[in-house]
Protein backbone atom coordinates (compact mmCIF):
# COMPACT_ATOMS: atom_id res chain seq x y z
CA ALA A 1 60.97 103.99 -141.66
CA ARG A 2 59.87 107.07 -143.84
CA GLY A 3 56.22 106.46 -142.72
CA THR A 4 56.04 104.45 -145.94
CA ALA A 5 52.98 102.07 -146.45
CA PRO A 6 53.97 98.52 -146.63
CA PRO A 7 53.96 97.16 -150.38
CA SER A 8 50.88 95.46 -151.92
CA PHE A 9 51.57 92.43 -154.00
CA ALA A 10 49.21 91.22 -157.17
CA PRO A 11 50.78 88.24 -159.33
CA SER A 12 47.82 86.65 -159.43
CA ARG A 13 48.73 85.88 -162.80
CA LEU A 14 51.72 86.53 -165.37
CA PRO A 15 51.11 89.37 -167.68
CA LEU A 16 51.51 89.03 -171.46
CA ALA A 17 54.44 90.70 -173.14
CA PRO A 18 53.53 93.94 -173.48
CA ALA A 19 51.93 94.84 -170.19
CA PRO A 20 55.27 96.29 -169.19
CA ARG A 21 55.16 98.69 -171.70
CA MET A 22 52.02 99.60 -170.90
CA ALA A 23 52.93 100.01 -167.23
CA LYS A 24 55.78 102.01 -167.63
CA ALA A 25 53.79 104.40 -170.11
CA LEU A 26 51.13 104.74 -166.81
CA TYR A 27 53.70 105.02 -164.71
CA ASP A 28 55.25 107.90 -166.42
CA ASN A 29 52.11 109.63 -166.99
CA ALA A 30 51.26 109.49 -163.42
CA ILE A 31 55.21 111.10 -162.31
CA SER A 32 54.52 113.65 -164.77
CA THR A 33 50.87 114.74 -163.26
CA VAL A 34 52.01 114.13 -159.79
CA SER A 35 54.86 116.34 -160.63
CA LYS A 36 52.41 119.10 -162.01
CA VAL A 37 50.28 119.23 -159.01
CA LYS A 38 53.24 119.14 -156.92
CA GLU A 39 54.50 122.44 -158.40
CA THR A 40 51.28 124.03 -157.59
CA MET A 41 51.48 122.99 -153.65
CA SER A 42 52.31 125.22 -150.98
CA PRO A 43 55.95 124.11 -149.86
CA HIS A 44 54.47 123.58 -146.49
CA ASN A 45 52.01 120.63 -147.71
CA LYS A 46 53.37 117.59 -146.10
CA ALA A 47 51.04 115.45 -149.30
CA ALA A 48 53.90 117.26 -151.23
CA HIS A 49 56.28 114.66 -150.58
CA TYR A 50 53.74 112.15 -151.01
CA LEU A 51 53.54 113.01 -154.27
CA SER A 52 57.05 113.28 -154.35
CA PRO A 53 58.48 110.77 -157.65
CA ASP A 54 61.03 109.66 -155.08
CA PHE A 55 57.96 108.66 -152.86
CA LEU A 56 55.69 107.03 -155.42
CA GLY A 57 56.80 103.57 -156.31
CA ALA A 58 59.46 102.99 -153.32
CA ASN A 59 57.84 100.39 -152.55
CA LEU A 60 57.04 98.57 -156.15
CA TRP A 61 58.69 95.42 -156.54
CA THR A 62 59.92 95.97 -159.98
CA ASP A 63 61.96 93.83 -162.74
CA ASP A 64 65.20 95.51 -161.84
CA LYS A 65 64.69 95.03 -157.64
CA MET A 66 63.72 90.92 -158.86
CA ARG A 67 66.89 91.16 -160.88
CA ALA A 68 69.22 92.08 -158.54
CA ALA A 69 67.03 89.79 -155.94
CA CYS A 70 67.21 86.87 -157.59
CA PRO A 71 69.70 86.86 -161.14
CA SER A 72 69.65 83.09 -161.51
CA VAL A 73 65.98 83.20 -161.80
CA MET A 74 65.18 86.42 -163.89
CA GLY A 75 66.05 84.76 -167.08
CA LYS A 76 63.25 81.83 -166.97
CA PHE A 77 60.67 84.15 -165.71
CA GLU A 78 60.93 86.92 -168.34
CA GLU A 79 60.80 83.51 -170.28
CA ALA A 80 57.62 82.59 -168.47
CA ARG A 81 56.07 86.03 -168.68
CA SER A 82 56.31 86.12 -172.22
CA THR A 83 55.36 82.89 -173.50
CA GLY A 84 53.33 81.29 -170.93
CA ALA A 85 55.55 78.55 -170.08
CA GLN A 86 55.53 76.78 -166.37
CA MET A 87 57.90 77.65 -164.33
CA SER A 88 59.59 75.00 -161.62
CA LYS A 89 58.55 74.74 -158.03
CA GLY A 90 62.01 75.74 -156.99
CA ASP A 91 62.24 78.89 -159.36
CA LYS A 92 58.97 79.89 -158.15
CA ASP A 93 59.99 79.35 -154.34
CA THR A 94 63.52 81.23 -155.01
CA ILE A 95 60.99 84.48 -156.53
CA ALA A 96 58.86 84.27 -153.86
CA LYS A 97 61.45 84.23 -150.90
CA ALA A 98 63.49 87.23 -152.38
CA LEU A 99 60.10 89.18 -152.48
CA MET A 100 59.33 88.28 -149.16
CA ASP A 101 62.43 89.23 -147.73
CA TRP A 102 62.52 92.47 -149.53
CA ALA A 103 58.84 93.27 -148.56
CA VAL A 104 59.66 92.35 -144.73
CA LYS A 105 62.65 95.18 -144.83
CA ARG A 106 60.31 97.57 -145.86
CA GLY A 107 57.69 96.62 -142.82
CA ALA A 108 55.06 94.62 -144.60
CA VAL A 109 53.63 91.92 -142.67
CA ASN A 110 50.72 90.83 -145.03
CA PHE A 111 50.15 91.00 -149.03
CA SER A 112 47.37 90.86 -151.14
CA HIS A 113 45.99 88.31 -153.76
CA TRP A 114 44.78 90.46 -156.76
CA PHE A 115 42.62 89.14 -159.46
CA SER A 116 39.99 89.42 -162.18
CA PRO A 117 37.11 87.05 -161.70
CA MET A 118 35.53 85.98 -165.47
CA ARG A 119 32.81 88.69 -164.14
CA GLY A 120 34.24 91.78 -165.49
CA THR A 121 35.30 93.40 -162.02
CA CYS A 122 38.45 92.57 -159.56
CA ALA A 123 38.49 91.33 -156.60
CA GLN A 124 41.62 90.70 -153.49
CA LYS A 125 42.51 88.19 -150.84
CA HIS A 126 45.03 89.38 -148.30
CA ASP A 127 46.70 86.74 -146.45
CA ALA A 128 49.31 86.92 -144.38
CA PHE A 129 53.80 86.28 -144.38
CA LEU A 130 52.89 83.77 -141.11
CA ASP A 131 51.06 80.92 -140.33
CA LEU A 132 50.98 78.59 -137.67
CA ASP A 133 53.47 75.86 -137.98
CA PHE A 134 51.05 72.59 -137.46
CA SER A 135 53.99 70.38 -137.34
CA SER A 136 54.52 71.39 -133.55
CA PRO A 137 53.20 68.92 -131.02
CA SER A 138 52.46 72.14 -128.81
CA VAL A 139 48.46 72.68 -128.24
CA VAL A 140 49.35 76.49 -129.28
CA LYS A 141 50.89 76.64 -132.37
CA PRO A 142 53.92 78.83 -132.81
CA MET A 143 54.15 81.28 -135.72
CA LYS A 144 55.67 80.73 -138.65
CA LYS A 145 57.00 82.39 -141.82
CA ASP A 146 55.38 80.99 -144.39
CA PHE A 147 55.21 82.65 -148.25
CA ASP A 148 56.43 80.28 -150.81
CA GLY A 149 55.92 79.83 -155.12
CA GLY A 150 52.83 78.78 -154.37
CA LYS A 151 51.11 81.77 -152.55
CA LEU A 152 52.84 84.13 -155.10
CA PHE A 153 51.92 82.48 -158.19
CA MET A 154 48.51 81.31 -156.92
CA ALA A 155 46.24 81.16 -160.10
CA GLU A 156 42.43 81.74 -159.15
CA THR A 157 40.37 83.88 -161.62
CA ASP A 158 37.17 82.81 -160.25
CA GLY A 159 37.27 83.63 -156.37
CA SER A 160 36.70 79.89 -155.09
CA SER A 161 38.75 80.67 -152.16
CA PHE A 162 36.18 82.69 -150.59
CA PRO A 163 33.50 81.34 -148.14
CA ASN A 164 30.57 81.61 -150.22
CA GLY A 165 32.62 79.84 -153.43
CA GLY A 166 33.50 82.77 -155.67
């Protein structure tokens, strides 16, 4: 309720083991750069708040946040991330539920499936944490929360879900 934007999620593929170290280095570099820019700003500039290290990354789902939210599957996730092994549907669902609960508490109502097609560019597919409850007999279907491991760990490198087939 500090006026923060909802988080965006991009776990379309499990990263290789060096990726967290590279991401940490990029994050540290961004924080250092932003801190230098912030020092030159007027104290009355509201943008300084948004460049603060306290604000940047506040809505970033990190390993530490995941470890706190679902410690029972963190070891399996780290193994899968480093070896490429498959995780069980139940473990994926556990992580998805923890992630959705964490995001919804921060005001998120949708997520983005980010992927890199083989064509050398990147793309996003936006979706919601809600879906119609098709099991309801009602003509006008009620809404229900809908986010599971299948949506979180979607592997789509070709954009085939787009109307033109990718």
